[in-house]
């Protein structure tokens, strides 16, 4: 009976030790898991020249203002839709190489209609930067020697504002039809604002009617 108790105690000790070992292994694993969600690729596509473009969830520190990926793009620059990035990277010129980076540019345009007459009143430059550098770690995110992806996307503002106007996503979801240069006005435009996207600035241009209306 005594031997049985001792054997039972040894078994329990062995189980406890195993649990401790498992816990010791599990803690860093959990920590690693908590540190890597930013590496998740949210979407992948090709630019106008067939080059791969992708965006990760990324990371962002509001105090330092530094980071990368959609987290930074959303929280610092107020661009929330990946379709906005896709429009910019769809620029027919294929972007501009800058070392391991590739820069893509587009414009978000605001249209104002008054008394049936419409005009592009604002054209905000949008820039997307694809980073093809391979890194093991980037802003605290474990990338395991893979490419960073879209590093950032932002509006270029004369006021140096870090965030884009709230209507930029809506504009970039509504490309201008360039088959007849500058279109996208309605036959009977209602007074107010609407938005469209382009690969050249349109501000100051009057809009000819009798074409499908832009997004409002």
C-alpha atoms as a PDB file:
ATOM      1  CA  UNK A   1       0.000   0.000   0.000  1.00  0.00           C
ATOM      2  CA  UNK A   2       2.847   2.350   0.857  1.00  0.00           C
ATOM      3  CA  UNK A   3       4.583   1.453  -2.390  1.00  0.00           C
ATOM      4  CA  UNK A   4       1.414   2.215  -4.322  1.00  0.00           C
ATOM      5  CA  UNK A   5       1.160   5.668  -2.710  1.00  0.00           C
ATOM      6  CA  UNK A   6       4.799   6.431  -3.479  1.00  0.00           C
ATOM      7  CA  UNK A   7       4.298   5.299  -7.079  1.00  0.00           C
ATOM      8  CA  UNK A   8       1.149   7.445  -7.312  1.00  0.00           C
ATOM      9  CA  UNK A   9       3.079  10.430  -5.928  1.00  0.00           C
ATOM     10  CA  UNK A  10       5.860   9.925  -8.475  1.00  0.00           C
ATOM     11  CA  UNK A  11       3.291   9.827 -11.291  1.00  0.00           C
ATOM     12  CA  UNK A  12       1.701  13.058 -10.085  1.00  0.00           C
ATOM     13  CA  UNK A  13       5.127  14.664  -9.784  1.00  0.00           C
ATOM     14  CA  UNK A  14       5.906  13.590 -13.320  1.00  0.00           C
ATOM     15  CA  UNK A  15       2.630  15.057 -14.588  1.00  0.00           C
ATOM     16  CA  UNK A  16       3.260  18.306 -12.712  1.00  0.00           C
ATOM     17  CA  UNK A  17       6.769  18.533 -14.132  1.00  0.00           C
ATOM     18  CA  UNK A  18       5.433  17.908 -17.629  1.00  0.00           C
ATOM     19  CA  UNK A  19       2.860  20.660 -17.179  1.00  0.00           C
ATOM     20  CA  UNK A  20       5.580  23.030 -16.017  1.00  0.00           C
ATOM     21  CA  UNK A  21       7.738  22.182 -19.024  1.00  0.00           C
ATOM     22  CA  UNK A  22       4.751  22.589 -21.344  1.00  0.00           C
ATOM     23  CA  UNK A  23       3.921  25.913 -19.728  1.00  0.00           C
ATOM     24  CA  UNK A  24       7.529  27.018 -20.107  1.00  0.00           C
ATOM     25  CA  UNK A  25       7.435  26.221 -23.821  1.00  0.00           C
ATOM     26  CA  UNK A  26       3.960  27.645 -24.264  1.00  0.00           C
ATOM     27  CA  UNK A  27       4.719  31.105 -22.880  1.00  0.00           C
ATOM     28  CA  UNK A  28       7.185  32.210 -25.566  1.00  0.00           C
ATOM     29  CA  UNK A  29       5.033  30.586 -28.227  1.00  0.00           C
ATOM     30  CA  UNK A  30       2.053  32.620 -27.067  1.00  0.00           C
ATOM     31  CA  UNK A  31       4.188  35.741 -26.971  1.00  0.00           C
ATOM     32  CA  UNK A  32       5.372  35.114 -30.527  1.00  0.00           C
ATOM     33  CA  UNK A  33       1.808  34.556 -31.676  1.00  0.00           C
ATOM     34  CA  UNK A  34       0.762  37.824 -30.079  1.00  0.00           C
ATOM     35  CA  UNK A  35       3.567  39.660 -31.860  1.00  0.00           C
ATOM     36  CA  UNK A  36       2.910  38.372 -35.382  1.00  0.00           C
ATOM     37  CA  UNK A  37      -0.683  39.185 -36.413  1.00  0.00           C
ATOM     38  CA  UNK A  38       0.746  42.254 -38.155  1.00  0.00           C
ATOM     39  CA  UNK A  39       2.481  39.974 -40.659  1.00  0.00           C
ATOM     40  CA  UNK A  40      -0.864  38.765 -42.046  1.00  0.00           C
ATOM     41  CA  UNK A  41      -1.259  39.607 -45.738  1.00  0.00           C
ATOM     42  CA  UNK A  42      -4.720  41.146 -46.125  1.00  0.00           C
ATOM     43  CA  UNK A  43      -4.751  41.228 -49.926  1.00  0.00           C
ATOM     44  CA  UNK A  44      -2.454  40.698 -52.900  1.00  0.00           C
ATOM     45  CA  UNK A  45      -2.790  41.933 -56.484  1.00  0.00           C
ATOM     46  CA  UNK A  46      -0.782  43.128 -59.507  1.00  0.00           C
ATOM     47  CA  UNK A  47       0.004  46.662 -60.605  1.00  0.00           C
ATOM     48  CA  UNK A  48      -0.576  47.885 -64.171  1.00  0.00           C
ATOM     49  CA  UNK A  49       2.699  46.287 -65.307  1.00  0.00           C
ATOM     50  CA  UNK A  50       2.094  42.911 -63.673  1.00  0.00           C
ATOM     51  CA  UNK A  51       4.263  43.451 -60.587  1.00  0.00           C
ATOM     52  CA  UNK A  52       3.087  41.892 -57.358  1.00  0.00           C
ATOM     53  CA  UNK A  53       1.674  44.261 -54.742  1.00  0.00           C
ATOM     54  CA  UNK A  54       0.369  43.219 -51.335  1.00  0.00           C
ATOM     55  CA  UNK A  55      -0.504  44.791 -48.022  1.00  0.00           C
ATOM     56  CA  UNK A  56      -0.081  43.371 -44.522  1.00  0.00           C
ATOM     57  CA  UNK A  57      -2.041  44.298 -41.414  1.00  0.00           C
ATOM     58  CA  UNK A  58       1.192  45.857 -40.143  1.00  0.00           C
ATOM     59  CA  UNK A  59       1.726  47.859 -36.966  1.00  0.00           C
ATOM     60  CA  UNK A  60       1.426  51.450 -35.781  1.00  0.00           C
ATOM     61  CA  UNK A  61       2.551  53.400 -32.733  1.00  0.00           C
ATOM     62  CA  UNK A  62       0.405  56.505 -32.256  1.00  0.00           C
ATOM     63  CA  UNK A  63       2.988  58.094 -29.954  1.00  0.00           C
ATOM     64  CA  UNK A  64       5.886  57.914 -32.395  1.00  0.00           C
ATOM     65  CA  UNK A  65       3.707  58.076 -35.503  1.00  0.00           C
ATOM     66  CA  UNK A  66       5.700  55.196 -36.986  1.00  0.00           C
ATOM     67  CA  UNK A  67       4.689  51.852 -38.413  1.00  0.00           C
ATOM     68  CA  UNK A  68       3.624  50.250 -41.681  1.00  0.00           C
ATOM     69  CA  UNK A  69       0.806  48.411 -43.448  1.00  0.00           C
ATOM     70  CA  UNK A  70      -2.943  48.933 -43.207  1.00  0.00           C
ATOM     71  CA  UNK A  71      -2.832  49.659 -39.490  1.00  0.00           C
ATOM     72  CA  UNK A  72      -0.716  52.750 -40.077  1.00  0.00           C
ATOM     73  CA  UNK A  73      -2.614  53.681 -43.246  1.00  0.00           C
ATOM     74  CA  UNK A  74      -5.961  53.518 -41.419  1.00  0.00           C
ATOM     75  CA  UNK A  75      -4.992  55.114 -38.119  1.00  0.00           C
ATOM     76  CA  UNK A  76      -2.538  57.789 -39.246  1.00  0.00           C
ATOM     77  CA  UNK A  77      -3.628  58.598 -42.789  1.00  0.00           C
ATOM     78  CA  UNK A  78      -7.386  57.919 -42.706  1.00  0.00           C
ATOM     79  CA  UNK A  79      -7.451  55.614 -45.739  1.00  0.00           C
ATOM     80  CA  UNK A  80      -9.540  52.577 -44.839  1.00  0.00           C
ATOM     81  CA  UNK A  81     -10.156  50.656 -48.046  1.00  0.00           C
ATOM     82  CA  UNK A  82      -7.698  48.409 -49.831  1.00  0.00           C
ATOM     83  CA  UNK A  83      -9.521  49.293 -53.060  1.00  0.00           C
ATOM     84  CA  UNK A  84      -8.053  52.788 -52.644  1.00  0.00           C
ATOM     85  CA  UNK A  85      -4.553  51.295 -52.717  1.00  0.00           C
ATOM     86  CA  UNK A  86      -5.479  49.189 -55.734  1.00  0.00           C
ATOM     87  CA  UNK A  87      -6.587  52.223 -57.724  1.00  0.00           C
ATOM     88  CA  UNK A  88      -3.313  54.051 -57.079  1.00  0.00           C
ATOM     89  CA  UNK A  89      -1.189  51.024 -57.935  1.00  0.00           C
ATOM     90  CA  UNK A  90      -3.255  50.630 -61.097  1.00  0.00           C
ATOM     91  CA  UNK A  91      -1.678  53.773 -62.543  1.00  0.00           C
ATOM     92  CA  UNK A  92      -0.893  52.900 -66.185  1.00  0.00           C
ATOM     93  CA  UNK A  93       2.664  54.248 -65.805  1.00  0.00           C
ATOM     94  CA  UNK A  94       3.480  51.342 -63.495  1.00  0.00           C
ATOM     95  CA  UNK A  95       4.789  53.564 -60.722  1.00  0.00           C
ATOM     96  CA  UNK A  96       8.277  54.926 -60.135  1.00  0.00           C
ATOM     97  CA  UNK A  97      11.166  52.804 -58.830  1.00  0.00           C
ATOM     98  CA  UNK A  98      13.030  54.278 -55.857  1.00  0.00           C
ATOM     99  CA  UNK A  99      15.580  51.642 -54.893  1.00  0.00           C
ATOM    100  CA  UNK A 100      13.659  48.745 -53.356  1.00  0.00           C
ATOM    101  CA  UNK A 101      10.580  50.954 -53.087  1.00  0.00           C
ATOM    102  CA  UNK A 102       8.051  51.639 -55.845  1.00  0.00           C
ATOM    103  CA  UNK A 103       5.942  54.805 -55.672  1.00  0.00           C
ATOM    104  CA  UNK A 104       2.443  55.012 -57.112  1.00  0.00           C
ATOM    105  CA  UNK A 105       0.454  58.238 -57.479  1.00  0.00           C
ATOM    106  CA  UNK A 106      -3.209  59.049 -58.079  1.00  0.00           C
ATOM    107  CA  UNK A 107      -5.679  61.856 -57.346  1.00  0.00           C
ATOM    108  CA  UNK A 108      -8.885  62.077 -55.360  1.00  0.00           C
ATOM    109  CA  UNK A 109     -11.067  64.806 -56.864  1.00  0.00           C
ATOM    110  CA  UNK A 110     -13.980  66.716 -55.377  1.00  0.00           C
ATOM    111  CA  UNK A 111     -16.747  68.023 -57.637  1.00  0.00           C
ATOM    112  CA  UNK A 112     -19.075  70.872 -56.676  1.00  0.00           C
ATOM    113  CA  UNK A 113     -22.276  71.602 -58.537  1.00  0.00           C
ATOM    114  CA  UNK A 114     -24.083  74.939 -58.181  1.00  0.00           C
ATOM    115  CA  UNK A 115     -27.168  75.886 -60.205  1.00  0.00           C
ATOM    116  CA  UNK A 116     -26.623  72.943 -62.515  1.00  0.00           C
ATOM    117  CA  UNK A 117     -22.993  73.824 -63.273  1.00  0.00           C
ATOM    118  CA  UNK A 118     -20.271  71.495 -62.036  1.00  0.00           C
ATOM    119  CA  UNK A 119     -16.541  71.930 -61.558  1.00  0.00           C
ATOM    120  CA  UNK A 120     -13.650  69.972 -60.083  1.00  0.00           C
ATOM    121  CA  UNK A 121     -12.765  72.108 -57.082  1.00  0.00           C
ATOM    122  CA  UNK A 122     -10.098  69.988 -55.400  1.00  0.00           C
ATOM    123  CA  UNK A 123      -7.553  67.359 -56.450  1.00  0.00           C
ATOM    124  CA  UNK A 124      -5.652  65.692 -53.629  1.00  0.00           C
ATOM    125  CA  UNK A 125      -2.551  63.691 -54.573  1.00  0.00           C
ATOM    126  CA  UNK A 126      -2.531  60.166 -53.132  1.00  0.00           C
ATOM    127  CA  UNK A 127       0.716  58.243 -52.805  1.00  0.00           C
ATOM    128  CA  UNK A 128       1.224  54.516 -52.165  1.00  0.00           C
ATOM    129  CA  UNK A 129       4.673  53.069 -51.400  1.00  0.00           C
ATOM    130  CA  UNK A 130       5.366  49.380 -52.018  1.00  0.00           C
ATOM    131  CA  UNK A 131       8.477  48.206 -50.139  1.00  0.00           C
ATOM    132  CA  UNK A 132      10.173  45.165 -51.712  1.00  0.00           C
ATOM    133  CA  UNK A 133      12.839  44.961 -49.030  1.00  0.00           C
ATOM    134  CA  UNK A 134      13.063  41.601 -47.264  1.00  0.00           C
ATOM    135  CA  UNK A 135      13.246  41.876 -43.482  1.00  0.00           C
ATOM    136  CA  UNK A 136      13.280  39.442 -40.600  1.00  0.00           C
ATOM    137  CA  UNK A 137      11.542  41.972 -38.350  1.00  0.00           C
ATOM    138  CA  UNK A 138       9.926  45.320 -39.054  1.00  0.00           C
ATOM    139  CA  UNK A 139       8.431  47.633 -36.417  1.00  0.00           C
ATOM    140  CA  UNK A 140       8.077  44.701 -34.037  1.00  0.00           C
ATOM    141  CA  UNK A 141       6.438  42.397 -36.584  1.00  0.00           C
ATOM    142  CA  UNK A 142       8.162  39.106 -37.412  1.00  0.00           C
ATOM    143  CA  UNK A 143       8.345  38.848 -41.219  1.00  0.00           C
ATOM    144  CA  UNK A 144      10.806  35.914 -41.402  1.00  0.00           C
ATOM    145  CA  UNK A 145      12.944  37.417 -44.170  1.00  0.00           C
ATOM    146  CA  UNK A 146       9.971  38.169 -46.422  1.00  0.00           C
ATOM    147  CA  UNK A 147       9.065  41.353 -48.305  1.00  0.00           C
ATOM    148  CA  UNK A 148       7.460  44.135 -46.296  1.00  0.00           C
ATOM    149  CA  UNK A 149       4.707  44.951 -48.821  1.00  0.00           C
ATOM    150  CA  UNK A 150       2.824  48.240 -48.949  1.00  0.00           C
ATOM    151  CA  UNK A 151       4.660  50.343 -46.407  1.00  0.00           C
ATOM    152  CA  UNK A 152       2.336  53.350 -46.389  1.00  0.00           C
ATOM    153  CA  UNK A 153      -0.286  55.306 -48.320  1.00  0.00           C
ATOM    154  CA  UNK A 154      -1.096  58.954 -47.668  1.00  0.00           C
ATOM    155  CA  UNK A 155      -2.387  62.241 -49.017  1.00  0.00           C
ATOM    156  CA  UNK A 156       0.062  64.940 -50.045  1.00  0.00           C
ATOM    157  CA  UNK A 157      -1.257  68.103 -48.441  1.00  0.00           C
ATOM    158  CA  UNK A 158      -0.070  71.707 -48.542  1.00  0.00           C
ATOM    159  CA  UNK A 159      -0.979  71.918 -44.857  1.00  0.00           C
ATOM    160  CA  UNK A 160       1.207  68.875 -44.046  1.00  0.00           C
ATOM    161  CA  UNK A 161      -1.812  67.193 -42.483  1.00  0.00           C
ATOM    162  CA  UNK A 162      -1.161  63.510 -41.752  1.00  0.00           C
ATOM    163  CA  UNK A 163      -4.720  62.346 -42.396  1.00  0.00           C
ATOM    164  CA  UNK A 164      -6.696  62.390 -45.640  1.00  0.00           C
ATOM    165  CA  UNK A 165     -10.152  63.990 -45.897  1.00  0.00           C
ATOM    166  CA  UNK A 166     -12.968  61.578 -45.137  1.00  0.00           C
ATOM    167  CA  UNK A 167     -14.147  61.565 -48.774  1.00  0.00           C
ATOM    168  CA  UNK A 168     -10.900  60.197 -50.266  1.00  0.00           C
ATOM    169  CA  UNK A 169     -11.924  56.524 -50.041  1.00  0.00           C
ATOM    170  CA  UNK A 170     -15.190  57.335 -51.774  1.00  0.00           C
ATOM    171  CA  UNK A 171     -13.374  59.186 -54.554  1.00  0.00           C
ATOM    172  CA  UNK A 172     -10.865  56.391 -55.159  1.00  0.00           C
ATOM    173  CA  UNK A 173     -13.708  53.912 -55.504  1.00  0.00           C
ATOM    174  CA  UNK A 174     -15.118  55.914 -58.431  1.00  0.00           C
ATOM    175  CA  UNK A 175     -12.578  56.253 -61.286  1.00  0.00           C
ATOM    176  CA  UNK A 176     -13.020  58.981 -63.876  1.00  0.00           C
ATOM    177  CA  UNK A 177     -13.721  57.791 -67.414  1.00  0.00           C
ATOM    178  CA  UNK A 178     -10.920  59.134 -69.603  1.00  0.00           C
ATOM    179  CA  UNK A 179     -12.249  57.877 -72.944  1.00  0.00           C
ATOM    180  CA  UNK A 180     -13.238  61.461 -73.679  1.00  0.00           C
ATOM    181  CA  UNK A 181     -10.648  63.092 -71.415  1.00  0.00           C
ATOM    182  CA  UNK A 182     -12.778  64.417 -68.525  1.00  0.00           C
ATOM    183  CA  UNK A 183     -16.239  63.037 -68.095  1.00  0.00           C
ATOM    184  CA  UNK A 184     -18.423  61.745 -65.265  1.00  0.00           C
ATOM    185  CA  UNK A 185     -20.979  64.533 -65.009  1.00  0.00           C
ATOM    186  CA  UNK A 186     -24.722  64.008 -64.999  1.00  0.00           C
ATOM    187  CA  UNK A 187     -27.214  65.252 -67.580  1.00  0.00           C
ATOM    188  CA  UNK A 188     -29.058  67.165 -64.870  1.00  0.00           C
ATOM    189  CA  UNK A 189     -26.588  67.458 -61.991  1.00  0.00           C
ATOM    190  CA  UNK A 190     -27.998  68.203 -58.578  1.00  0.00           C
ATOM    191  CA  UNK A 191     -26.341  70.885 -56.478  1.00  0.00           C
ATOM    192  CA  UNK A 192     -23.842  69.545 -53.964  1.00  0.00           C
ATOM    193  CA  UNK A 193     -20.587  67.603 -53.791  1.00  0.00           C
ATOM    194  CA  UNK A 194     -19.489  64.365 -55.429  1.00  0.00           C
ATOM    195  CA  UNK A 195     -16.150  62.626 -55.853  1.00  0.00           C
ATOM    196  CA  UNK A 196     -14.056  60.786 -58.405  1.00  0.00           C
ATOM    197  CA  UNK A 197     -10.537  59.426 -58.885  1.00  0.00           C
ATOM    198  CA  UNK A 198      -7.978  59.975 -61.628  1.00  0.00           C
ATOM    199  CA  UNK A 199      -4.309  59.694 -62.492  1.00  0.00           C
ATOM    200  CA  UNK A 200      -3.950  63.400 -63.179  1.00  0.00           C
ATOM    201  CA  UNK A 201      -5.209  66.452 -61.267  1.00  0.00           C
ATOM    202  CA  UNK A 202      -8.586  67.774 -62.392  1.00  0.00           C
ATOM    203  CA  UNK A 203      -9.092  70.766 -60.065  1.00  0.00           C
ATOM    204  CA  UNK A 204     -10.239  73.893 -61.868  1.00  0.00           C
ATOM    205  CA  UNK A 205     -11.765  71.970 -64.761  1.00  0.00           C
ATOM    206  CA  UNK A 206     -15.394  72.490 -65.718  1.00  0.00           C
ATOM    207  CA  UNK A 207     -17.408  69.328 -66.382  1.00  0.00           C
ATOM    208  CA  UNK A 208     -19.402  68.744 -69.504  1.00  0.00           C
ATOM    209  CA  UNK A 209     -22.818  67.159 -68.875  1.00  0.00           C
ATOM    210  CA  UNK A 210     -24.598  64.209 -70.510  1.00  0.00           C
ATOM    211  CA  UNK A 211     -22.391  61.510 -68.992  1.00  0.00           C
ATOM    212  CA  UNK A 212     -22.950  59.159 -66.034  1.00  0.00           C
ATOM    213  CA  UNK A 213     -22.770  60.930 -62.690  1.00  0.00           C
ATOM    214  CA  UNK A 214     -19.961  60.332 -60.153  1.00  0.00           C
ATOM    215  CA  UNK A 215     -20.346  58.959 -56.658  1.00  0.00           C
ATOM    216  CA  UNK A 216     -22.014  61.125 -54.020  1.00  0.00           C
END
